[in-house]
Structure formats: structure tokens, C-alpha cells
Amino acid sequence: QVHLVESGGGLVQAGGSLRLSCAASGRTFSRNVMAWFRQAPGKEREFVAGSAWNDGRTNYRDFVEGRFTISRDDAKNTVYLQMNSLRPEDTAVYYCAARKEGLVGVKVSSLFYDDWGQGTQVTVSS
């Protein structure tokens, strides 16, 4: 099991930027698919971006394509989400998630992820 802790959330004006971090402890996540999800009040949790461990591929939902970037530093056991050109509709709690070690494929359904962080609030004002 991987213990995940997110940080970096906060309040930002529309058009601004934030960088979220997700630090893993317990063991290395070098062989885990890592992803960011978000959940706005009254809405379902949704996939934002994911990073494969085996081939370096990244996946993004279309509503963040070109604005958000996921990256990982396996040596630091940390995955990041750089968020630029933020919009009020990006306001949500952002969660870091990990698939079981060794599994491949970035999945957009939260059902495929085994470990979750506690979330960090991102609020974008207009």
C-alpha cells in the first residue's frame, strides 16, 4: 500500500497557476500508474490526468489539455500537477491516486485506483 499526501492547493484568481504535489510514503511508486482526480461540490469525482510508469505516457481529460501538466519524480516519490490558466470551473478538491503496483494503463475510472490521498482544495476566483 502507498500512503499519499497532497499539498499545494489554495485560492488563486482566474488565469493564475498552482502546482500540486503528491508525496508517497510506505514504498516507492516507481511501478505504479499515478493520477490526479478532482471532485467539485455536488459532482462526481473525475479523472484529470495520469502518468504511466512503464512507457512514460501521460493522459489528460480534454478540459485540461494544454493547461495542466502531470509529471513524476520517482527518486523523490512525488508526482506533480502543474495547473496554468486556471478557470473558476477548475475549483474542486484534487486527489492523488495510485493503481496497484505493476499494473499498466492509465484508467479514467476511479474504480481502477487502489490508494488515495486526502485531497487538497483548489479554489479559482473569477
Foldseek 3Di string as FASTA:
>chain_A
DKAKAKDWADEEAAQAKIKMKIAIDPDFCLQKKKFKWWDDPPDDIWTAKIAWNPPGDMDGDPVQPPFWDWDDDRVRRMIMIIGGRDDQVVWTWMKMFIAPGNDGDDDTDPVRTDYIYPTDTHGYHD
